[in-house]
Amino acid sequence: MKNEFTKNEKEIIDEYQKKGYKATYRVDHMKLIDLNTKIGYSPENVTILEEYRFEGMSNPSDMSILYIVETTDGSKGTVLANYSPSSNIETAEFFKEIPEENYLKN
């Protein structure tokens, strides 16, 4: 996982979109949902290519992780997950279910 201190989430998302990572996803009912196509992916159908961690400026416990992902059908995009104390844990649970071999090491 990379810590990014010089760039914010949007800047990194913009960089990946220029490289063809156009899809935006969210987790719903333990599926990664492409917000454009509405296709849902199970954890075993998702590969994590990169992770970037961001800590809150005023509260380090407010954290977000930007996942750069690719699915088994070739869809590529980003997931921005909030990991603050008040965040929904479903996204964290989904990413825990992705098989370890689907995490590409940097």
C-alpha atoms as a PDB file:
ATOM      1  CA  MET A   1       0.000   0.000   0.000  1.00  0.00           C
ATOM      2  CA  LYS A   2       1.301   3.409  -0.919  1.00  0.00           C
ATOM      3  CA  ASN A   3       0.957   6.466   1.292  1.00  0.00           C
ATOM      4  CA  GLU A   4       0.410   9.562  -0.793  1.00  0.00           C
ATOM      5  CA  PHE A   5       1.344  12.827   0.858  1.00  0.00           C
ATOM      6  CA  THR A   6       1.739  15.031  -2.185  1.00  0.00           C
ATOM      7  CA  LYS A   7      -1.407  14.102  -4.097  1.00  0.00           C
ATOM      8  CA  ASN A   8      -5.017  13.843  -3.100  1.00  0.00           C
ATOM      9  CA  GLU A   9      -7.448  11.104  -4.056  1.00  0.00           C
ATOM     10  CA  LYS A  10      -8.887  13.012  -7.006  1.00  0.00           C
ATOM     11  CA  GLU A  11      -5.476  13.647  -8.552  1.00  0.00           C
ATOM     12  CA  ILE A  12      -4.604   9.950  -8.448  1.00  0.00           C
ATOM     13  CA  ILE A  13      -8.033   8.942  -9.797  1.00  0.00           C
ATOM     14  CA  ASP A  14      -7.550  11.415 -12.662  1.00  0.00           C
ATOM     15  CA  GLU A  15      -4.130   9.884 -13.452  1.00  0.00           C
ATOM     16  CA  TYR A  16      -5.594   6.378 -13.631  1.00  0.00           C
ATOM     17  CA  GLN A  17      -8.572   7.513 -15.705  1.00  0.00           C
ATOM     18  CA  LYS A  18      -6.108   8.825 -18.292  1.00  0.00           C
ATOM     19  CA  LYS A  19      -4.600   5.307 -18.336  1.00  0.00           C
ATOM     20  CA  GLY A  20      -8.001   3.744 -19.078  1.00  0.00           C
ATOM     21  CA  TYR A  21      -9.267   3.019 -15.550  1.00  0.00           C
ATOM     22  CA  LYS A  22     -12.635   4.618 -16.250  1.00  0.00           C
ATOM     23  CA  ALA A  23     -15.070   2.623 -14.085  1.00  0.00           C
ATOM     24  CA  THR A  24     -16.153   3.784 -10.648  1.00  0.00           C
ATOM     25  CA  TYR A  25     -17.386   1.184  -8.203  1.00  0.00           C
ATOM     26  CA  ARG A  26     -19.091   0.883  -4.848  1.00  0.00           C
ATOM     27  CA  VAL A  27     -19.792  -2.120  -2.642  1.00  0.00           C
ATOM     28  CA  ASP A  28     -23.408  -3.164  -2.134  1.00  0.00           C
ATOM     29  CA  HIS A  29     -24.599  -6.482  -0.707  1.00  0.00           C
ATOM     30  CA  MET A  30     -21.042  -7.891  -0.873  1.00  0.00           C
ATOM     31  CA  LYS A  31     -20.744  -7.163  -4.609  1.00  0.00           C
ATOM     32  CA  LEU A  32     -18.526  -4.593  -6.264  1.00  0.00           C
ATOM     33  CA  ILE A  33     -20.974  -2.642  -8.429  1.00  0.00           C
ATOM     34  CA  ASP A  34     -19.885  -0.711 -11.516  1.00  0.00           C
ATOM     35  CA  LEU A  35     -21.845   2.530 -11.146  1.00  0.00           C
ATOM     36  CA  ASN A  36     -22.193   2.931 -14.922  1.00  0.00           C
ATOM     37  CA  THR A  37     -23.046  -0.587 -16.107  1.00  0.00           C
ATOM     38  CA  LYS A  38     -24.594  -1.806 -12.821  1.00  0.00           C
ATOM     39  CA  ILE A  39     -22.691  -5.099 -13.201  1.00  0.00           C
ATOM     40  CA  GLY A  40     -21.838  -6.701  -9.853  1.00  0.00           C
ATOM     41  CA  TYR A  41     -18.630  -8.594  -9.116  1.00  0.00           C
ATOM     42  CA  SER A  42     -17.908 -11.118  -6.378  1.00  0.00           C
ATOM     43  CA  PRO A  43     -14.614 -10.812  -4.455  1.00  0.00           C
ATOM     44  CA  GLU A  44     -13.004 -13.652  -6.434  1.00  0.00           C
ATOM     45  CA  ASN A  45     -13.692 -11.704  -9.676  1.00  0.00           C
ATOM     46  CA  VAL A  46     -11.724  -8.638  -8.568  1.00  0.00           C
ATOM     47  CA  THR A  47      -7.968  -8.045  -8.686  1.00  0.00           C
ATOM     48  CA  ILE A  48      -6.388  -5.225  -6.702  1.00  0.00           C
ATOM     49  CA  LEU A  49      -3.618  -3.635  -8.778  1.00  0.00           C
ATOM     50  CA  GLU A  50      -2.710  -0.763  -6.427  1.00  0.00           C
ATOM     51  CA  GLU A  51      -3.763   0.690  -3.075  1.00  0.00           C
ATOM     52  CA  TYR A  52      -3.211   4.238  -1.851  1.00  0.00           C
ATOM     53  CA  ARG A  53      -3.819   5.225   1.754  1.00  0.00           C
ATOM     54  CA  PHE A  54      -4.795   8.738   2.833  1.00  0.00           C
ATOM     55  CA  GLU A  55      -5.021   9.947   6.424  1.00  0.00           C
ATOM     56  CA  GLY A  56      -7.260  12.796   7.497  1.00  0.00           C
ATOM     57  CA  MET A  57      -5.489  16.121   7.918  1.00  0.00           C
ATOM     58  CA  SER A  58      -7.182  17.014  11.195  1.00  0.00           C
ATOM     59  CA  ASN A  59      -7.853  13.480  12.442  1.00  0.00           C
ATOM     60  CA  PRO A  60      -5.473  10.670  11.413  1.00  0.00           C
ATOM     61  CA  SER A  61      -8.098   8.072  12.357  1.00  0.00           C
ATOM     62  CA  ASP A  62     -10.183   9.366   9.443  1.00  0.00           C
ATOM     63  CA  MET A  63      -8.631   7.369   6.653  1.00  0.00           C
ATOM     64  CA  SER A  64      -9.489   6.478   3.097  1.00  0.00           C
ATOM     65  CA  ILE A  65      -8.037   3.891   0.766  1.00  0.00           C
ATOM     66  CA  LEU A  66      -8.122   4.225  -2.987  1.00  0.00           C
ATOM     67  CA  TYR A  67      -8.162   0.834  -4.700  1.00  0.00           C
ATOM     68  CA  ILE A  68      -7.169   0.485  -8.355  1.00  0.00           C
ATOM     69  CA  VAL A  69      -8.964  -2.640  -9.587  1.00  0.00           C
ATOM     70  CA  GLU A  70      -9.555  -4.843 -12.594  1.00  0.00           C
ATOM     71  CA  THR A  71     -12.318  -7.417 -12.925  1.00  0.00           C
ATOM     72  CA  THR A  72     -12.340 -10.785 -14.667  1.00  0.00           C
ATOM     73  CA  ASP A  73     -14.293  -9.335 -17.608  1.00  0.00           C
ATOM     74  CA  GLY A  74     -11.690  -6.594 -18.163  1.00  0.00           C
ATOM     75  CA  SER A  75     -13.438  -3.692 -16.458  1.00  0.00           C
ATOM     76  CA  LYS A  76     -10.863  -1.338 -14.878  1.00  0.00           C
ATOM     77  CA  GLY A  77     -11.421   1.454 -12.410  1.00  0.00           C
ATOM     78  CA  THR A  78     -11.260   2.801  -8.889  1.00  0.00           C
ATOM     79  CA  VAL A  79     -12.905   2.351  -5.517  1.00  0.00           C
ATOM     80  CA  LEU A  80     -12.529   5.011  -2.843  1.00  0.00           C
ATOM     81  CA  ALA A  81     -13.260   3.529   0.574  1.00  0.00           C
ATOM     82  CA  ASN A  82     -13.706   5.583   3.727  1.00  0.00           C
ATOM     83  CA  TYR A  83     -12.340   3.942   6.860  1.00  0.00           C
ATOM     84  CA  SER A  84     -13.310   6.432   9.552  1.00  0.00           C
ATOM     85  CA  PRO A  85     -14.814   5.255  12.850  1.00  0.00           C
ATOM     86  CA  SER A  86     -18.300   6.072  11.524  1.00  0.00           C
ATOM     87  CA  SER A  87     -17.925   4.439   8.093  1.00  0.00           C
ATOM     88  CA  ASN A  88     -19.903   1.501   6.778  1.00  0.00           C
ATOM     89  CA  ILE A  89     -17.887  -1.692   7.243  1.00  0.00           C
ATOM     90  CA  GLU A  90     -19.333  -3.517   4.213  1.00  0.00           C
ATOM     91  CA  THR A  91     -16.596  -2.192   1.910  1.00  0.00           C
ATOM     92  CA  ALA A  92     -13.866  -3.350   4.299  1.00  0.00           C
ATOM     93  CA  GLU A  93     -15.529  -6.765   4.574  1.00  0.00           C
ATOM     94  CA  PHE A  94     -15.715  -7.086   0.785  1.00  0.00           C
ATOM     95  CA  PHE A  95     -12.016  -6.321   0.346  1.00  0.00           C
ATOM     96  CA  LYS A  96     -11.116  -8.831   3.083  1.00  0.00           C
ATOM     97  CA  GLU A  97     -12.891 -11.510   1.007  1.00  0.00           C
ATOM     98  CA  ILE A  98     -10.790 -10.908  -2.115  1.00  0.00           C
ATOM     99  CA  PRO A  99      -8.430 -13.874  -2.415  1.00  0.00           C
ATOM    100  CA  GLU A 100      -4.818 -13.078  -1.541  1.00  0.00           C
ATOM    101  CA  GLU A 101      -3.634 -14.192  -4.979  1.00  0.00           C
ATOM    102  CA  ASN A 102      -5.800 -11.389  -6.435  1.00  0.00           C
ATOM    103  CA  TYR A 103      -3.649  -8.751  -4.732  1.00  0.00           C
ATOM    104  CA  LEU A 104      -0.788  -7.789  -6.994  1.00  0.00           C
ATOM    105  CA  LYS A 105       2.187  -6.780  -4.892  1.00  0.00           C
ATOM    106  CA  ASN A 106       3.895  -3.502  -5.685  1.00  0.00           C
END
